[in-house]
Amino acid sequence: MDDFEELLAEGSAVPTDGWDFSWFEGRATEERPSWGYARLLAEHMAKAEAALDLQTGGGEVLATIPRPPPLLVATESWPPNLEIARRTLLPLGGTVVESEDVDDFPFDDGTFDLVVSRHPTAVLWHEIARVLKPEGIYLSQGIGSGSNRELSEAMMGPLPPPEDQRIAESADGAGLDVITLLHESLRAEYYDIGAIVHFLRKVLWTVPGFTPERYRAQLISLHDRIRSDGPFVSHARRYLVKARKRVPVGHP
């Protein structure tokens, strides 16, 4: 049990600021989607005049673009991430605006020709369409329904079937035409209970309300399972959507 306590303490102590997963190296792995979001992001940013990155986290992914547009804005809701994102995006000339994930965007209609988001916790389709210029592009890699379901059920027990996210229907209803919609299931492996604890603290929607104290019994059981059977395997689900704002009837 001493090994469990050490791993539990370690996973509980790692800071969760930002959206950097480098701590997991050697302790957990997750397959990457085949479409290469960072590459697509860079390609679209290089062509944009005014771009918005929603829920940027610490700005780590956005900061990888080699050529920023003349106007680059990002939103973030979590205060610890705001300062990280501002420092990270300063070299790109990016501005970071505090905005709650479920609030209307603090931008005028038709401000951006590109809106992007990686792993948004909420997708406000009508707000995305509102701030896009006609024929503007929305590009996003999102969390698919039932992502990491095996890990969620190991903590919370059997769950109801995941709901259809109705991505195409939601985009269409907001005035966006879907160009690309892809889904993938990606193998994830966790090699010790410390990695699982840190992941659940960082990716909050996997087990809502997770704390190591509340789920101690489940963590002990999972620790013993990893020790006897090897890495715990789960599957992350991701989707890629690219959509274009329709030109309103009568628009010049």
Protein backbone atom coordinates (compact mmCIF):
# COMPACT_ATOMS: atom_id res chain seq x y z
CA MET A 1 0.00 0.00 0.00
CA ASP A 2 3.01 2.31 0.47
CA ASP A 3 3.47 2.32 -3.31
CA PHE A 4 -0.16 3.33 -3.77
CA GLU A 5 0.12 6.17 -1.26
CA GLU A 6 3.25 7.53 -2.94
CA LEU A 7 1.66 7.47 -6.39
CA LEU A 8 -1.56 8.96 -5.06
CA ALA A 9 0.32 11.82 -3.43
CA GLU A 10 2.36 12.43 -6.57
CA GLY A 11 -0.67 12.50 -8.87
CA SER A 12 -2.49 14.78 -6.43
CA ALA A 13 0.36 17.29 -6.23
CA VAL A 14 1.08 17.93 -9.93
CA PRO A 15 -0.18 21.40 -10.98
CA THR A 16 -3.08 21.33 -13.44
CA ASP A 17 -2.52 24.82 -14.89
CA GLY A 18 -2.36 25.14 -18.65
CA TRP A 19 -2.98 22.41 -21.19
CA ASP A 20 0.47 20.79 -21.21
CA PHE A 21 0.50 17.00 -20.95
CA SER A 22 4.28 16.49 -20.96
CA TRP A 23 4.20 15.23 -17.34
CA PHE A 24 2.55 12.03 -18.59
CA GLU A 25 5.58 11.01 -20.64
CA GLY A 26 6.50 7.44 -19.68
CA ARG A 27 3.40 7.13 -17.48
CA ALA A 28 0.52 7.29 -19.95
CA THR A 29 0.05 7.33 -23.72
CA GLU A 30 -2.76 8.30 -26.06
CA GLU A 31 -2.91 7.85 -29.81
CA ARG A 32 -3.11 11.03 -31.88
CA PRO A 33 -5.88 11.58 -34.43
CA SER A 34 -4.78 10.87 -37.98
CA TRP A 35 -5.85 14.27 -39.33
CA GLY A 36 -3.16 16.27 -37.48
CA TYR A 37 -4.99 19.18 -35.89
CA ALA A 38 -1.87 21.29 -35.29
CA ARG A 39 -0.95 21.09 -38.98
CA LEU A 40 -4.48 22.03 -40.08
CA LEU A 41 -4.50 24.87 -37.57
CA ALA A 42 -1.24 26.26 -38.91
CA GLU A 43 -2.46 26.04 -42.52
CA HIS A 44 -5.69 27.90 -41.79
CA MET A 45 -4.03 30.52 -39.60
CA ALA A 46 -1.53 31.31 -42.35
CA LYS A 47 -4.42 32.25 -44.67
CA ALA A 48 -6.51 34.18 -42.13
CA GLU A 49 -6.76 37.93 -41.61
CA ALA A 50 -8.59 37.82 -38.26
CA ALA A 51 -8.74 34.65 -36.14
CA LEU A 52 -10.27 33.62 -32.83
CA ASP A 53 -9.20 30.63 -30.72
CA LEU A 54 -11.92 29.64 -28.26
CA GLN A 55 -11.05 28.13 -24.86
CA THR A 56 -7.32 28.31 -25.58
CA GLY A 57 -6.19 26.86 -22.24
CA GLY A 58 -2.64 28.06 -21.75
CA GLY A 59 -2.32 28.84 -25.46
CA GLU A 60 0.08 25.93 -25.95
CA VAL A 61 -1.45 24.57 -29.15
CA LEU A 62 -2.12 27.95 -30.72
CA ALA A 63 1.49 28.97 -30.02
CA THR A 64 2.73 26.29 -32.42
CA ILE A 65 1.52 28.16 -35.51
CA PRO A 66 4.49 29.53 -37.50
CA ARG A 67 2.58 32.39 -39.13
CA PRO A 68 -0.08 34.24 -37.10
CA PRO A 69 -2.73 36.38 -38.79
CA PRO A 70 -2.70 40.19 -38.42
CA LEU A 71 -5.44 39.93 -35.78
CA LEU A 72 -5.17 37.01 -33.35
CA VAL A 73 -7.50 36.74 -30.35
CA ALA A 74 -8.08 33.92 -27.87
CA THR A 75 -10.59 33.37 -25.06
CA GLU A 76 -10.09 31.52 -21.79
CA SER A 77 -12.28 31.15 -18.71
CA TRP A 78 -9.98 29.73 -16.03
CA PRO A 79 -7.98 32.50 -14.26
CA PRO A 80 -4.76 30.47 -13.76
CA ASN A 81 -4.66 29.81 -17.50
CA LEU A 82 -5.22 33.43 -18.48
CA GLU A 83 -1.77 34.65 -17.47
CA ILE A 84 -0.12 31.54 -18.92
CA ALA A 85 -1.89 32.11 -22.24
CA ARG A 86 -1.02 35.79 -22.31
CA ARG A 87 2.67 35.02 -21.81
CA THR A 88 2.59 32.17 -24.30
CA LEU A 89 0.85 34.10 -27.07
CA LEU A 90 2.66 37.42 -26.60
CA PRO A 91 5.36 36.52 -29.19
CA LEU A 92 2.58 35.97 -31.76
CA GLY A 93 0.95 39.32 -31.00
CA GLY A 94 -2.09 37.46 -29.63
CA THR A 95 -4.62 39.00 -27.27
CA VAL A 96 -6.29 36.83 -24.61
CA VAL A 97 -9.76 37.79 -23.41
CA GLU A 98 -11.40 36.37 -20.29
CA SER A 99 -14.74 34.81 -21.23
CA GLU A 100 -16.81 32.05 -19.65
CA ASP A 101 -17.21 28.98 -21.85
CA VAL A 102 -21.02 29.22 -21.93
CA ASP A 103 -21.34 33.02 -22.23
CA ASP A 104 -21.95 34.96 -25.43
CA PHE A 105 -18.69 36.00 -27.04
CA PRO A 106 -17.53 39.58 -26.30
CA PHE A 107 -16.99 40.36 -29.99
CA ASP A 108 -18.97 42.16 -32.69
CA ASP A 109 -20.81 40.36 -35.47
CA GLY A 110 -18.66 39.32 -38.41
CA THR A 111 -15.32 40.09 -36.77
CA PHE A 112 -13.37 36.98 -37.77
CA ASP A 113 -12.79 34.99 -40.92
CA LEU A 114 -11.50 32.02 -38.87
CA VAL A 115 -12.70 30.60 -35.55
CA VAL A 116 -10.93 27.56 -34.07
CA SER A 117 -11.13 25.50 -30.91
CA ARG A 118 -9.37 22.40 -29.62
CA HIS A 119 -11.29 20.30 -27.12
CA PRO A 120 -13.97 22.88 -26.23
CA THR A 121 -16.06 22.10 -23.16
CA ALA A 122 -19.04 23.84 -24.78
CA VAL A 123 -19.75 24.62 -28.43
CA LEU A 124 -21.93 27.71 -28.90
CA TRP A 125 -22.80 27.23 -32.55
CA HIS A 126 -24.90 30.37 -32.96
CA GLU A 127 -22.22 32.53 -31.36
CA ILE A 128 -19.56 31.01 -33.61
CA ALA A 129 -21.69 31.79 -36.66
CA ARG A 130 -22.42 35.30 -35.38
CA VAL A 131 -18.79 36.38 -35.05
CA LEU A 132 -17.74 34.79 -38.36
CA LYS A 133 -17.76 36.78 -41.57
CA PRO A 134 -19.80 35.31 -44.44
CA GLU A 135 -17.83 32.33 -45.83
CA GLY A 136 -15.69 32.34 -42.67
CA ILE A 137 -14.39 28.99 -41.43
CA TYR A 138 -14.88 27.16 -38.13
CA LEU A 139 -12.26 24.45 -37.44
CA SER A 140 -12.34 22.34 -34.30
CA GLN A 141 -11.06 19.11 -32.81
CA GLY A 142 -13.60 18.10 -30.18
CA ILE A 143 -14.16 15.47 -27.53
CA GLY A 144 -16.48 12.76 -28.86
CA SER A 145 -19.35 11.30 -26.88
CA GLY A 146 -18.29 8.51 -24.55
CA SER A 147 -14.64 9.54 -24.53
CA ASN A 148 -12.62 7.57 -21.97
CA ARG A 149 -15.79 5.74 -21.02
CA GLU A 150 -13.81 2.79 -19.63
CA LEU A 151 -12.05 5.08 -17.14
CA SER A 152 -15.26 6.89 -16.24
CA GLU A 153 -17.02 3.59 -15.52
CA ALA A 154 -14.07 2.29 -13.49
CA MET A 155 -14.68 5.23 -11.16
CA MET A 156 -18.48 5.69 -11.31
CA GLY A 157 -19.88 2.32 -12.38
CA PRO A 158 -22.03 1.61 -15.48
CA LEU A 159 -23.14 4.70 -17.37
CA PRO A 160 -26.03 5.26 -19.82
CA PRO A 161 -25.19 5.14 -23.53
CA PRO A 162 -23.53 8.33 -24.80
CA GLU A 163 -25.79 10.84 -26.51
CA ASP A 164 -25.48 11.76 -30.17
CA GLN A 165 -23.76 15.16 -30.32
CA ARG A 166 -25.69 16.10 -33.47
CA ILE A 167 -22.75 18.10 -34.77
CA ALA A 168 -23.91 18.43 -38.37
CA GLU A 169 -27.46 19.35 -37.35
CA SER A 170 -26.26 21.95 -34.84
CA ALA A 171 -23.91 23.54 -37.35
CA ASP A 172 -26.62 23.67 -40.01
CA GLY A 173 -29.09 25.22 -37.60
CA ALA A 174 -26.62 28.01 -36.86
CA GLY A 175 -26.05 28.78 -40.54
CA LEU A 176 -22.85 26.80 -41.08
CA ASP A 177 -22.29 24.27 -43.87
CA VAL A 178 -20.20 21.29 -42.75
CA ILE A 179 -17.30 20.63 -45.10
CA THR A 180 -15.54 17.91 -43.09
CA LEU A 181 -16.72 15.73 -40.19
CA LEU A 182 -14.50 12.89 -39.02
CA HIS A 183 -14.56 10.65 -35.92
CA GLU A 184 -11.84 8.47 -34.42
CA SER A 185 -11.43 6.22 -31.37
CA LEU A 186 -7.91 6.42 -29.91
CA ARG A 187 -6.27 3.94 -27.56
CA ALA A 188 -5.10 5.37 -24.25
CA GLU A 189 -2.95 3.50 -21.72
CA TYR A 190 -2.26 4.45 -18.10
CA TYR A 191 0.75 2.80 -16.48
CA ASP A 192 0.25 3.80 -12.84
CA ILE A 193 -2.45 5.20 -10.58
CA GLY A 194 -0.62 8.50 -10.19
CA ALA A 195 -1.11 9.16 -13.90
CA ILE A 196 -4.82 8.38 -13.59
CA VAL A 197 -5.23 10.69 -10.60
CA HIS A 198 -3.52 13.56 -12.39
CA PHE A 199 -5.53 12.95 -15.57
CA LEU A 200 -8.84 12.99 -13.67
CA ARG A 201 -7.85 16.20 -11.88
CA LYS A 202 -6.90 17.82 -15.17
CA VAL A 203 -9.62 16.54 -17.53
CA LEU A 204 -12.54 17.33 -15.24
CA TRP A 205 -15.40 16.05 -17.39
CA THR A 206 -14.13 12.43 -17.27
CA VAL A 207 -15.38 12.01 -13.68
CA PRO A 208 -17.32 15.15 -12.63
CA GLY A 209 -16.53 16.13 -9.06
CA PHE A 210 -13.50 13.84 -8.85
CA THR A 211 -11.25 14.05 -5.81
CA PRO A 212 -8.76 11.37 -4.70
CA GLU A 213 -10.46 11.22 -1.31
CA ARG A 214 -13.95 10.69 -2.71
CA TYR A 215 -12.82 7.92 -5.07
CA ARG A 216 -10.15 6.32 -2.89
CA ALA A 217 -11.71 2.83 -2.93
CA GLN A 218 -11.98 2.81 -6.72
CA LEU A 219 -8.41 4.06 -7.06
CA ILE A 220 -7.10 1.28 -4.81
CA SER A 221 -8.96 -1.30 -6.91
CA LEU A 222 -7.59 0.17 -10.13
CA HIS A 223 -4.07 0.32 -8.68
CA ASP A 224 -4.24 -3.39 -7.86
CA ARG A 225 -5.59 -4.13 -11.34
CA ILE A 226 -2.69 -2.29 -13.02
CA ARG A 227 -0.19 -4.09 -10.82
CA SER A 228 -1.62 -7.51 -11.73
CA ASP A 229 -2.75 -7.03 -15.36
CA GLY A 230 -0.63 -4.21 -16.76
CA PRO A 231 -1.65 -0.80 -18.12
CA PHE A 232 -5.28 0.26 -17.84
CA VAL A 233 -6.66 0.73 -21.36
CA SER A 234 -9.32 3.24 -22.27
CA HIS A 235 -10.34 4.91 -25.53
CA ALA A 236 -10.45 8.63 -26.19
CA ARG A 237 -12.92 9.73 -28.84
CA ARG A 238 -12.24 12.74 -31.01
CA TYR A 239 -13.96 14.44 -33.90
CA LEU A 240 -12.78 16.97 -36.45
CA VAL A 241 -15.26 19.44 -37.88
CA LYS A 242 -14.70 22.09 -40.50
CA ALA A 243 -17.64 24.28 -41.45
CA ARG A 244 -18.21 27.41 -43.52
CA LYS A 245 -20.65 30.20 -42.70
CA ARG A 246 -23.34 30.52 -45.33
CA VAL A 247 -23.67 33.79 -47.19
CA PRO A 248 -27.03 35.34 -46.19
CA VAL A 249 -29.60 35.77 -48.93
CA GLY A 250 -29.25 39.24 -50.40
CA HIS A 251 -25.69 39.69 -49.06
CA PRO A 252 -23.60 41.61 -51.61
